[in-house]
């Protein structure tokens, strides 16, 4: 009996910026979907009354949750910019190798700037306002 050919494994492919940014876009989408659990928990606590809300706020304001919020903001900013990049690709633009590399770098730079801007607005400027 002749053996069937195996599908190529990931090790066969060379590392490319487009591949890495696309995979990371999917991973950040999964992280954001998992982060929705926190939002749903908060909404249920709001609907549950004052005592339930106070208990939820004690949990949701813990240092671990604050780190998780920061990671979710990073994931959101990256997913947003990479999603816009994919929308541009759907129009047939930016698919050349040099364009793809430069857009990958642009996605990273824009998501870092956007993350820092959100961090400034909510954590630094927002802390001064209270």
Protein backbone atom coordinates (compact mmCIF):
# COMPACT_ATOMS: atom_id res chain seq x y z
CA UNK A 1 0.00 0.00 0.00
CA UNK A 2 1.44 3.38 -1.00
CA UNK A 3 1.75 5.92 1.77
CA UNK A 4 -0.13 9.13 1.40
CA UNK A 5 1.77 12.41 1.46
CA UNK A 6 1.60 14.35 4.70
CA UNK A 7 0.43 17.91 4.94
CA UNK A 8 3.23 20.44 5.36
CA UNK A 9 3.94 21.35 8.94
CA UNK A 10 4.50 24.87 10.23
CA UNK A 11 8.24 24.22 10.32
CA UNK A 12 8.26 24.04 6.52
CA UNK A 13 7.26 27.68 6.16
CA UNK A 14 9.68 30.55 6.53
CA UNK A 15 8.92 33.22 9.11
CA UNK A 16 7.29 36.24 7.52
CA UNK A 17 5.96 39.43 9.00
CA UNK A 18 2.59 38.92 7.35
CA UNK A 19 2.24 35.46 8.87
CA UNK A 20 3.27 36.60 12.34
CA UNK A 21 1.01 39.64 12.36
CA UNK A 22 -1.92 37.62 11.05
CA UNK A 23 -1.47 34.95 13.72
CA UNK A 24 -1.13 37.60 16.41
CA UNK A 25 -4.28 39.29 15.11
CA UNK A 26 -6.18 36.03 15.60
CA UNK A 27 -4.71 35.53 19.09
CA UNK A 28 -5.67 39.05 20.16
CA UNK A 29 -9.18 38.41 18.85
CA UNK A 30 -9.37 35.31 21.05
CA UNK A 31 -8.07 37.29 24.02
CA UNK A 32 -10.68 39.98 23.49
CA UNK A 33 -13.40 37.34 23.26
CA UNK A 34 -12.22 35.85 26.54
CA UNK A 35 -12.11 39.34 28.04
CA UNK A 36 -15.82 39.70 27.38
CA UNK A 37 -16.34 37.44 30.38
CA UNK A 38 -15.23 40.33 32.62
CA UNK A 39 -17.66 42.69 30.94
CA UNK A 40 -20.54 40.23 31.30
CA UNK A 41 -19.63 39.65 34.96
CA UNK A 42 -19.69 43.40 35.57
CA UNK A 43 -23.03 43.81 33.80
CA UNK A 44 -24.59 40.96 35.78
CA UNK A 45 -23.25 42.53 38.98
CA UNK A 46 -24.78 45.89 38.05
CA UNK A 47 -28.12 44.21 37.49
CA UNK A 48 -27.78 42.18 40.69
CA UNK A 49 -28.04 45.03 43.15
CA UNK A 50 -25.78 47.04 45.41
CA UNK A 51 -24.34 44.16 47.42
CA UNK A 52 -23.54 42.09 44.33
CA UNK A 53 -22.03 45.12 42.64
CA UNK A 54 -19.84 45.92 45.67
CA UNK A 55 -18.56 42.33 45.76
CA UNK A 56 -17.85 42.41 42.01
CA UNK A 57 -16.03 45.73 42.30
CA UNK A 58 -13.81 44.29 45.01
CA UNK A 59 -12.81 41.55 42.59
CA UNK A 60 -12.65 43.69 39.43
CA UNK A 61 -10.50 46.37 41.06
CA UNK A 62 -7.81 43.93 42.19
CA UNK A 63 -4.26 44.41 40.88
CA UNK A 64 -4.52 41.21 38.84
CA UNK A 65 -7.61 42.52 37.04
CA UNK A 66 -5.90 45.85 36.41
CA UNK A 67 -3.04 44.04 34.69
CA UNK A 68 -5.60 42.07 32.72
CA UNK A 69 -7.31 45.32 31.67
CA UNK A 70 -4.00 46.70 30.44
CA UNK A 71 -3.38 43.54 28.42
CA UNK A 72 -6.87 43.76 26.97
CA UNK A 73 -6.25 47.38 25.94
CA UNK A 74 -3.04 46.31 24.20
CA UNK A 75 -4.88 43.46 22.49
CA UNK A 76 -7.68 45.80 21.42
CA UNK A 77 -5.32 48.36 19.92
CA UNK A 78 -3.36 45.73 18.01
CA UNK A 79 -6.49 43.92 16.83
CA UNK A 80 -8.02 47.17 15.65
CA UNK A 81 -5.02 48.27 13.62
CA UNK A 82 -4.31 44.82 12.22
CA UNK A 83 -7.97 44.47 11.30
CA UNK A 84 -7.81 47.72 9.35
CA UNK A 85 -4.71 46.35 7.61
CA UNK A 86 -6.64 43.22 6.65
CA UNK A 87 -9.48 45.36 5.32
CA UNK A 88 -6.99 47.22 3.13
CA UNK A 89 -5.64 43.87 1.91
CA UNK A 90 -9.19 42.86 0.98
CA UNK A 91 -9.21 45.73 -1.51
CA UNK A 92 -6.12 44.24 -3.20
CA UNK A 93 -3.72 46.92 -1.98
CA UNK A 94 -0.56 46.45 0.05
CA UNK A 95 0.02 42.80 -0.86
CA UNK A 96 3.54 43.19 -2.24
CA UNK A 97 6.34 41.96 -0.01
CA UNK A 98 7.82 45.38 0.75
CA UNK A 99 4.39 46.89 1.32
CA UNK A 100 3.48 44.02 3.62
CA UNK A 101 6.62 44.46 5.69
CA UNK A 102 6.17 48.18 6.01
CA UNK A 103 2.48 47.82 6.91
CA UNK A 104 3.40 45.24 9.56
CA UNK A 105 5.78 47.73 11.15
CA UNK A 106 3.15 50.45 10.82
CA UNK A 107 0.57 48.27 12.58
CA UNK A 108 2.95 47.74 15.49
CA UNK A 109 3.87 51.42 15.76
CA UNK A 110 0.25 52.62 15.54
CA UNK A 111 -0.95 50.09 18.09
CA UNK A 112 1.81 51.11 20.52
CA UNK A 113 0.98 54.80 20.08
CA UNK A 114 -2.74 54.11 20.47
CA UNK A 115 -2.11 52.03 23.59
CA UNK A 116 0.00 54.80 25.12
CA UNK A 117 -2.65 57.37 24.26
CA UNK A 118 -5.39 55.30 25.89
CA UNK A 119 -3.17 54.63 28.91
CA UNK A 120 -2.53 58.35 29.29
CA UNK A 121 -6.20 59.28 28.94
CA UNK A 122 -7.57 56.70 31.34
CA UNK A 123 -4.86 56.04 33.87
CA UNK A 124 -2.81 59.21 34.09
CA UNK A 125 -5.15 62.03 33.12
CA UNK A 126 -8.15 60.20 34.59
CA UNK A 127 -6.37 59.71 37.90
CA UNK A 128 -5.67 63.44 38.13
CA UNK A 129 -9.33 64.28 37.49
CA UNK A 130 -10.59 62.32 40.50
